Structures are given as structure tokens and as C-alpha cells.
Amino acid sequence: MFLGALDVPPREGTDQYLVYTRWRDEESFQAWMEGPMKAAHQQGGGGEGGERPKPAASGSTLWSFEVVQQTGPKQG
């Protein structure tokens, strides 16, 4: 299950954005990676005989992290 995403623009020194996505678990992420969206991303969304749109990005890096601490809003 997809839980959400953040698009984080740079403050200085680069023009690269950080796109942070949250998934319920690794299995949910892998199912998305191998599902219908995979073909859509590989085809570029140009449609039949249509021109391929200019990509929003020219590369990416996949980072994995382990959550060691999580907080939420105070209850009260």
C-alpha cells in the first residue's frame, strides 16, 4: 500500500529534487514496481504514434533507509 510522497526542492548548491515515497512494506513497493505502472514508465506515455514527452528527470538513485525513530502529533 502506498502511504504518501514528498517532493523536496533543493535549498542551494544543486538543482536536484528529492522525491520521498512511503510504502506500507517492501512487498507493496515491489508490487508497484512490477505492476502496470512499470509498462507505462517504460513506454514513456507517448501513445500510439504520438511524440514522447520530454522527461521530468534524466536519472534517479534509489536509496533505502531503516526507520530508527518515529514521532507523531501530541495527543491531547
PDB file of N, CA and C in Angstrom:
ATOM      1  N   MET A   1       0.839  -1.171   0.000  1.00  0.00           N
ATOM      2  CA  MET A   1       0.000   0.000   0.000  1.00  0.00           C
ATOM      3  C   MET A   1       0.893   1.246   0.000  1.00  0.00           C
ATOM      4  N   PHE A   2       0.599   2.168  -0.896  1.00  0.00           N
ATOM      5  CA  PHE A   2       1.290   3.446  -0.980  1.00  0.00           C
ATOM      6  C   PHE A   2       0.774   4.350   0.138  1.00  0.00           C
ATOM      7  N   LEU A   3       1.669   4.907   0.942  1.00  0.00           N
ATOM      8  CA  LEU A   3       1.274   5.738   2.070  1.00  0.00           C
ATOM      9  C   LEU A   3       1.397   7.231   1.810  1.00  0.00           C
ATOM     10  N   GLY A   4       2.246   7.627   0.865  1.00  0.00           N
ATOM     11  CA  GLY A   4       2.378   9.044   0.555  1.00  0.00           C
ATOM     12  C   GLY A   4       3.723   9.377  -0.050  1.00  0.00           C
ATOM     13  N   ALA A   5       3.871  10.650  -0.471  1.00  0.00           N
ATOM     14  CA  ALA A   5       5.110  11.097  -1.090  1.00  0.00           C
ATOM     15  C   ALA A   5       5.370  12.557  -0.755  1.00  0.00           C
ATOM     16  N   LEU A   6       6.628  12.933  -0.766  1.00  0.00           N
ATOM     17  CA  LEU A   6       7.056  14.320  -0.602  1.00  0.00           C
ATOM     18  C   LEU A   6       8.000  14.667  -1.744  1.00  0.00           C
ATOM     19  N   ASP A   7       7.815  15.817  -2.364  1.00  0.00           N
ATOM     20  CA  ASP A   7       8.762  16.360  -3.333  1.00  0.00           C
ATOM     21  C   ASP A   7       9.514  17.468  -2.615  1.00  0.00           C
ATOM     22  N   VAL A   8      10.809  17.274  -2.423  1.00  0.00           N
ATOM     23  CA  VAL A   8      11.620  18.197  -1.630  1.00  0.00           C
ATOM     24  C   VAL A   8      12.579  18.955  -2.551  1.00  0.00           C
ATOM     25  N   PRO A   9      12.342  20.268  -2.752  1.00  0.00           N
ATOM     26  CA  PRO A   9      13.235  21.039  -3.622  1.00  0.00           C
ATOM     27  C   PRO A   9      14.542  21.370  -2.907  1.00  0.00           C
ATOM     28  N   PRO A  10      15.594  21.591  -3.674  1.00  0.00           N
ATOM     29  CA  PRO A  10      16.880  21.935  -3.063  1.00  0.00           C
ATOM     30  C   PRO A  10      16.864  23.354  -2.492  1.00  0.00           C
ATOM     31  N   ARG A  11      17.658  23.589  -1.475  1.00  0.00           N
ATOM     32  CA  ARG A  11      17.793  24.935  -0.906  1.00  0.00           C
ATOM     33  C   ARG A  11      18.918  25.695  -1.598  1.00  0.00           C
ATOM     34  N   GLU A  12      20.026  24.993  -1.877  1.00  0.00           N
ATOM     35  CA  GLU A  12      21.156  25.642  -2.547  1.00  0.00           C
ATOM     36  C   GLU A  12      22.142  24.583  -3.023  1.00  0.00           C
ATOM     37  N   GLY A  13      22.945  24.940  -3.997  1.00  0.00           N
ATOM     38  CA  GLY A  13      24.044  24.080  -4.421  1.00  0.00           C
ATOM     39  C   GLY A  13      23.726  23.005  -5.436  1.00  0.00           C
ATOM     40  N   THR A  14      22.460  22.806  -5.764  1.00  0.00           N
ATOM     41  CA  THR A  14      22.081  21.787  -6.741  1.00  0.00           C
ATOM     42  C   THR A  14      20.701  22.116  -7.289  1.00  0.00           C
ATOM     43  N   ASP A  15      20.362  21.519  -8.410  1.00  0.00           N
ATOM     44  CA  ASP A  15      19.012  21.672  -8.943  1.00  0.00           C
ATOM     45  C   ASP A  15      18.250  20.348  -8.864  1.00  0.00           C
ATOM     46  N   GLN A  16      18.773  19.398  -8.107  1.00  0.00           N
ATOM     47  CA  GLN A  16      18.150  18.088  -7.971  1.00  0.00           C
ATOM     48  C   GLN A  16      17.145  18.076  -6.821  1.00  0.00           C
ATOM     49  N   TYR A  17      15.968  17.553  -7.109  1.00  0.00           N
ATOM     50  CA  TYR A  17      14.930  17.394  -6.101  1.00  0.00           C
ATOM     51  C   TYR A  17      15.052  16.022  -5.450  1.00  0.00           C
ATOM     52  N   LEU A  18      14.611  15.915  -4.232  1.00  0.00           N
ATOM     53  CA  LEU A  18      14.488  14.636  -3.554  1.00  0.00           C
ATOM     54  C   LEU A  18      13.008  14.267  -3.570  1.00  0.00           C
ATOM     55  N   VAL A  19      12.690  13.090  -4.060  1.00  0.00           N
ATOM     56  CA  VAL A  19      11.315  12.591  -4.033  1.00  0.00           C
ATOM     57  C   VAL A  19      11.294  11.436  -3.044  1.00  0.00           C
ATOM     58  N   TYR A  20      10.548  11.613  -1.981  1.00  0.00           N
ATOM     59  CA  TYR A  20      10.491  10.651  -0.885  1.00  0.00           C
ATOM     60  C   TYR A  20       9.131   9.980  -0.905  1.00  0.00           C
ATOM     61  N   THR A  21       9.113   8.664  -1.062  1.00  0.00           N
ATOM     62  CA  THR A  21       7.851   7.927  -1.040  1.00  0.00           C
ATOM     63  C   THR A  21       7.818   6.990   0.159  1.00  0.00           C
ATOM     64  N   ARG A  22       6.619   6.751   0.667  1.00  0.00           N
ATOM     65  CA  ARG A  22       6.434   5.825   1.797  1.00  0.00           C
ATOM     66  C   ARG A  22       5.497   4.708   1.373  1.00  0.00           C
ATOM     67  N   TRP A  23       5.901   3.496   1.730  1.00  0.00           N
ATOM     68  CA  TRP A  23       5.129   2.297   1.421  1.00  0.00           C
ATOM     69  C   TRP A  23       4.894   1.523   2.701  1.00  0.00           C
ATOM     70  N   ARG A  24       3.788   0.804   2.771  1.00  0.00           N
ATOM     71  CA  ARG A  24       3.475   0.019   3.966  1.00  0.00           C
ATOM     72  C   ARG A  24       4.566  -0.999   4.242  1.00  0.00           C
ATOM     73  N   ASP A  25       5.073  -1.628   3.171  1.00  0.00           N
ATOM     74  CA  ASP A  25       6.109  -2.646   3.331  1.00  0.00           C
ATOM     75  C   ASP A  25       6.817  -2.857   1.994  1.00  0.00           C
ATOM     76  N   GLU A  26       7.884  -3.613   2.017  1.00  0.00           N
ATOM     77  CA  GLU A  26       8.673  -3.893   0.814  1.00  0.00           C
ATOM     78  C   GLU A  26       7.833  -4.590  -0.249  1.00  0.00           C
ATOM     79  N   GLU A  27       6.943  -5.467   0.155  1.00  0.00           N
ATOM     80  CA  GLU A  27       6.111  -6.199  -0.798  1.00  0.00           C
ATOM     81  C   GLU A  27       5.206  -5.249  -1.580  1.00  0.00           C
ATOM     82  N   SER A  28       4.671  -4.224  -0.923  1.00  0.00           N
ATOM     83  CA  SER A  28       3.829  -3.239  -1.608  1.00  0.00           C
ATOM     84  C   SER A  28       4.630  -2.471  -2.649  1.00  0.00           C
ATOM     85  N   PHE A  29       5.842  -2.081  -2.286  1.00  0.00           N
ATOM     86  CA  PHE A  29       6.701  -1.362  -3.224  1.00  0.00           C
ATOM     87  C   PHE A  29       7.038  -2.245  -4.422  1.00  0.00           C
ATOM     88  N   GLN A  30       7.416  -3.482  -4.176  1.00  0.00           N
ATOM     89  CA  GLN A  30       7.772  -4.383  -5.268  1.00  0.00           C
ATOM     90  C   GLN A  30       6.578  -4.652  -6.184  1.00  0.00           C
ATOM     91  N   ALA A  31       5.383  -4.779  -5.617  1.00  0.00           N
ATOM     92  CA  ALA A  31       4.184  -4.994  -6.428  1.00  0.00           C
ATOM     93  C   ALA A  31       3.942  -3.799  -7.341  1.00  0.00           C
ATOM     94  N   TRP A  32       4.155  -2.593  -6.848  1.00  0.00           N
ATOM     95  CA  TRP A  32       4.015  -1.398  -7.679  1.00  0.00           C
ATOM     96  C   TRP A  32       5.074  -1.378  -8.779  1.00  0.00           C
ATOM     97  N   MET A  33       6.312  -1.718  -8.423  1.00  0.00           N
ATOM     98  CA  MET A  33       7.407  -1.709  -9.393  1.00  0.00           C
ATOM     99  C   MET A  33       7.156  -2.689 -10.541  1.00  0.00           C
ATOM    100  N   GLU A  34       6.527  -3.821 -10.260  1.00  0.00           N
ATOM    101  CA  GLU A  34       6.316  -4.851 -11.268  1.00  0.00           C
ATOM    102  C   GLU A  34       4.920  -4.822 -11.878  1.00  0.00           C
ATOM    103  N   GLY A  35       4.066  -3.910 -11.439  1.00  0.00           N
ATOM    104  CA  GLY A  35       2.692  -3.850 -11.926  1.00  0.00           C
ATOM    105  C   GLY A  35       2.534  -3.017 -13.191  1.00  0.00           C
ATOM    106  N   PRO A  36       1.317  -2.564 -13.475  1.00  0.00           N
ATOM    107  CA  PRO A  36       1.008  -1.818 -14.701  1.00  0.00           C
ATOM    108  C   PRO A  36       1.814  -0.531 -14.857  1.00  0.00           C
ATOM    109  N   MET A  37       2.236   0.083 -13.776  1.00  0.00           N
ATOM    110  CA  MET A  37       2.993   1.322 -13.874  1.00  0.00           C
ATOM    111  C   MET A  37       4.360   1.098 -14.518  1.00  0.00           C
ATOM    112  N   LYS A  38       4.903  -0.095 -14.398  1.00  0.00           N
ATOM    113  CA  LYS A  38       6.207  -0.386 -14.995  1.00  0.00           C
ATOM    114  C   LYS A  38       6.148  -0.191 -16.507  1.00  0.00           C
ATOM    115  N   ALA A  39       5.141  -0.750 -17.144  1.00  0.00           N
ATOM    116  CA  ALA A  39       4.999  -0.619 -18.590  1.00  0.00           C
ATOM    117  C   ALA A  39       4.748   0.839 -18.983  1.00  0.00           C
ATOM    118  N   ALA A  40       3.955   1.543 -18.211  1.00  0.00           N
ATOM    119  CA  ALA A  40       3.665   2.944 -18.514  1.00  0.00           C
ATOM    120  C   ALA A  40       4.935   3.784 -18.464  1.00  0.00           C
ATOM    121  N   HIS A  41       5.788   3.535 -17.502  1.00  0.00           N
ATOM    122  CA  HIS A  41       7.031   4.296 -17.383  1.00  0.00           C
ATOM    123  C   HIS A  41       8.013   3.925 -18.488  1.00  0.00           C
ATOM    124  N   GLN A  42       8.057   2.673 -18.860  1.00  0.00           N
ATOM    125  CA  GLN A  42       8.991   2.230 -19.893  1.00  0.00           C
ATOM    126  C   GLN A  42       8.582   2.721 -21.276  1.00  0.00           C
ATOM    127  N   GLN A  43       7.277   2.859 -21.523  1.00  0.00           N
ATOM    128  CA  GLN A  43       6.802   3.303 -22.825  1.00  0.00           C
ATOM    129  C   GLN A  43       6.860   4.819 -22.959  1.00  0.00           C
ATOM    130  N   GLY A  44       6.945   5.543 -21.872  1.00  0.00           N
ATOM    131  CA  GLY A  44       7.059   6.990 -21.927  1.00  0.00           C
ATOM    132  C   GLY A  44       5.753   7.727 -22.111  1.00  0.00           C
ATOM    133  N   GLY A  45       4.637   7.029 -22.188  1.00  0.00           N
ATOM    134  CA  GLY A  45       3.344   7.699 -22.254  1.00  0.00           C
ATOM    135  C   GLY A  45       3.071   8.456 -23.534  1.00  0.00           C
ATOM    136  N   GLY A  46       3.774   8.161 -24.620  1.00  0.00           N
ATOM    137  CA  GLY A  46       3.587   8.887 -25.868  1.00  0.00           C
ATOM    138  C   GLY A  46       2.333   8.512 -26.635  1.00  0.00           C
ATOM    139  N   GLY A  47       1.750   7.380 -26.328  1.00  0.00           N
ATOM    140  CA  GLY A  47       0.554   6.942 -27.034  1.00  0.00           C
ATOM    141  C   GLY A  47       0.880   6.448 -28.434  1.00  0.00           C
ATOM    142  N   GLU A  48      -0.129   6.029 -29.153  1.00  0.00           N
ATOM    143  CA  GLU A  48       0.068   5.477 -30.498  1.00  0.00           C
ATOM    144  C   GLU A  48       0.507   6.560 -31.468  1.00  0.00           C
ATOM    145  N   GLY A  49       1.714   6.423 -32.015  1.00  0.00           N
ATOM    146  CA  GLY A  49       2.207   7.357 -33.000  1.00  0.00           C
ATOM    147  C   GLY A  49       2.508   8.747 -32.462  1.00  0.00           C
ATOM    148  N   GLY A  50       2.279   8.964 -31.185  1.00  0.00           N
ATOM    149  CA  GLY A  50       2.499  10.288 -30.599  1.00  0.00           C
ATOM    150  C   GLY A  50       3.953  10.501 -30.231  1.00  0.00           C
ATOM    151  N   GLU A  51       4.305  11.757 -30.085  1.00  0.00           N
ATOM    152  CA  GLU A  51       5.653  12.095 -29.657  1.00  0.00           C
ATOM    153  C   GLU A  51       5.817  11.806 -28.182  1.00  0.00           C
ATOM    154  N   ARG A  52       6.998  11.349 -27.823  1.00  0.00           N
ATOM    155  CA  ARG A  52       7.273  11.127 -26.403  1.00  0.00           C
ATOM    156  C   ARG A  52       7.475  12.464 -25.730  1.00  0.00           C
ATOM    157  N   PRO A  53       6.841  12.682 -24.587  1.00  0.00           N
ATOM    158  CA  PRO A  53       7.038  13.943 -23.877  1.00  0.00           C
ATOM    159  C   PRO A  53       8.449  14.040 -23.316  1.00  0.00           C
ATOM    160  N   LYS A  54       8.932  15.261 -23.115  1.00  0.00           N
ATOM    161  CA  LYS A  54      10.239  15.482 -22.514  1.00  0.00           C
ATOM    162  C   LYS A  54      10.199  14.947 -21.079  1.00  0.00           C
ATOM    163  N   PRO A  55      11.194  14.175 -20.670  1.00  0.00           N
ATOM    164  CA  PRO A  55      11.169  13.613 -19.312  1.00  0.00           C
ATOM    165  C   PRO A  55      11.307  14.699 -18.240  1.00  0.00           C
ATOM    166  N   ALA A  56      10.682  14.457 -17.110  1.00  0.00           N
ATOM    167  CA  ALA A  56      10.803  15.378 -15.981  1.00  0.00           C
ATOM    168  C   ALA A  56      12.176  15.237 -15.332  1.00  0.00           C
ATOM    169  N   ALA A  57      12.796  14.093 -15.499  1.00  0.00           N
ATOM    170  CA  ALA A  57      14.118  13.845 -14.918  1.00  0.00           C
ATOM    171  C   ALA A  57      14.932  13.004 -15.891  1.00  0.00           C
ATOM    172  N   SER A  58      16.230  13.105 -15.778  1.00  0.00           N
ATOM    173  CA  SER A  58      17.092  12.343 -16.664  1.00  0.00           C
ATOM    174  C   SER A  58      17.811  11.206 -15.952  1.00  0.00           C
ATOM    175  N   GLY A  59      17.556  11.034 -14.673  1.00  0.00           N
ATOM    176  CA  GLY A  59      18.185   9.958 -13.923  1.00  0.00           C
ATOM    177  C   GLY A  59      17.581   9.858 -12.541  1.00  0.00           C
ATOM    178  N   SER A  60      17.943   8.818 -11.857  1.00  0.00           N
ATOM    179  CA  SER A  60      17.444   8.648 -10.491  1.00  0.00           C
ATOM    180  C   SER A  60      18.387   7.752  -9.711  1.00  0.00           C
ATOM    181  N   THR A  61      18.276   7.837  -8.413  1.00  0.00           N
ATOM    182  CA  THR A  61      19.018   6.985  -7.499  1.00  0.00           C
ATOM    183  C   THR A  61      18.036   6.458  -6.466  1.00  0.00           C
ATOM    184  N   LEU A  62      18.067   5.184  -6.217  1.00  0.00           N
ATOM    185  CA  LEU A  62      17.187   4.582  -5.226  1.00  0.00           C
ATOM    186  C   LEU A  62      17.961   4.384  -3.934  1.00  0.00           C
ATOM    187  N   TRP A  63      17.489   5.008  -2.875  1.00  0.00           N
ATOM    188  CA  TRP A  63      18.084   4.856  -1.548  1.00  0.00           C
ATOM    189  C   TRP A  63      17.098   4.113  -0.662  1.00  0.00           C
ATOM    190  N   SER A  64      17.606   3.258   0.194  1.00  0.00           N
ATOM    191  CA  SER A  64      16.774   2.563   1.179  1.00  0.00           C
ATOM    192  C   SER A  64      17.236   2.964   2.563  1.00  0.00           C
ATOM    193  N   PHE A  65      16.289   3.144   3.461  1.00  0.00           N
ATOM    194  CA  PHE A  65      16.585   3.539   4.823  1.00  0.00           C
ATOM    195  C   PHE A  65      15.830   2.652   5.796  1.00  0.00           C
ATOM    196  N   GLU A  66      16.326   2.576   6.983  1.00  0.00           N
ATOM    197  CA  GLU A  66      15.649   1.889   8.082  1.00  0.00           C
ATOM    198  C   GLU A  66      15.169   2.949   9.056  1.00  0.00           C
ATOM    199  N   VAL A  67      13.913   2.898   9.450  1.00  0.00           N
ATOM    200  CA  VAL A  67      13.364   3.853  10.420  1.00  0.00           C
ATOM    201  C   VAL A  67      13.840   3.446  11.810  1.00  0.00           C
ATOM    202  N   VAL A  68      14.553   4.357  12.489  1.00  0.00           N
ATOM    203  CA  VAL A  68      15.035   4.063  13.828  1.00  0.00           C
ATOM    204  C   VAL A  68      14.248   4.822  14.898  1.00  0.00           C
ATOM    205  N   GLN A  69      13.524   5.854  14.478  1.00  0.00           N
ATOM    206  CA  GLN A  69      12.684   6.602  15.412  1.00  0.00           C
ATOM    207  C   GLN A  69      11.560   7.236  14.623  1.00  0.00           C
ATOM    208  N   GLN A  70      10.357   7.203  15.185  1.00  0.00           N
ATOM    209  CA  GLN A  70       9.199   7.803  14.520  1.00  0.00           C
ATOM    210  C   GLN A  70       8.373   8.540  15.567  1.00  0.00           C
ATOM    211  N   THR A  71       7.934   9.738  15.226  1.00  0.00           N
ATOM    212  CA  THR A  71       7.102  10.521  16.144  1.00  0.00           C
ATOM    213  C   THR A  71       5.823  10.941  15.419  1.00  0.00           C
ATOM    214  N   GLY A  72       4.861  11.311  16.179  1.00  0.00           N
ATOM    215  CA  GLY A  72       3.597  11.799  15.636  1.00  0.00           C
ATOM    216  C   GLY A  72       3.132  12.983  16.452  1.00  0.00           C
ATOM    217  N   PRO A  73       1.976  13.547  16.077  1.00  0.00           N
ATOM    218  CA  PRO A  73       1.471  14.697  16.825  1.00  0.00           C
ATOM    219  C   PRO A  73       1.125  14.315  18.266  1.00  0.00           C
ATOM    220  N   LYS A  74       1.277  15.278  19.153  1.00  0.00           N
ATOM    221  CA  LYS A  74       0.927  15.043  20.557  1.00  0.00           C
ATOM    222  C   LYS A  74      -0.575  14.844  20.681  1.00  0.00           C
ATOM    223  N   GLN A  75      -0.954  13.898  21.493  1.00  0.00           N
ATOM    224  CA  GLN A  75      -2.364  13.645  21.779  1.00  0.00           C
ATOM    225  C   GLN A  75      -2.788  14.514  22.950  1.00  0.00           C
ATOM    226  N   GLY A  76      -3.913  15.150  22.822  1.00  0.00           N
ATOM    227  CA  GLY A  76      -4.269  15.950  23.982  1.00  0.00           C
ATOM    228  C   GLY A  76      -5.425  16.749  23.792  1.00  0.00           C
TER     229      GLY A  76
END
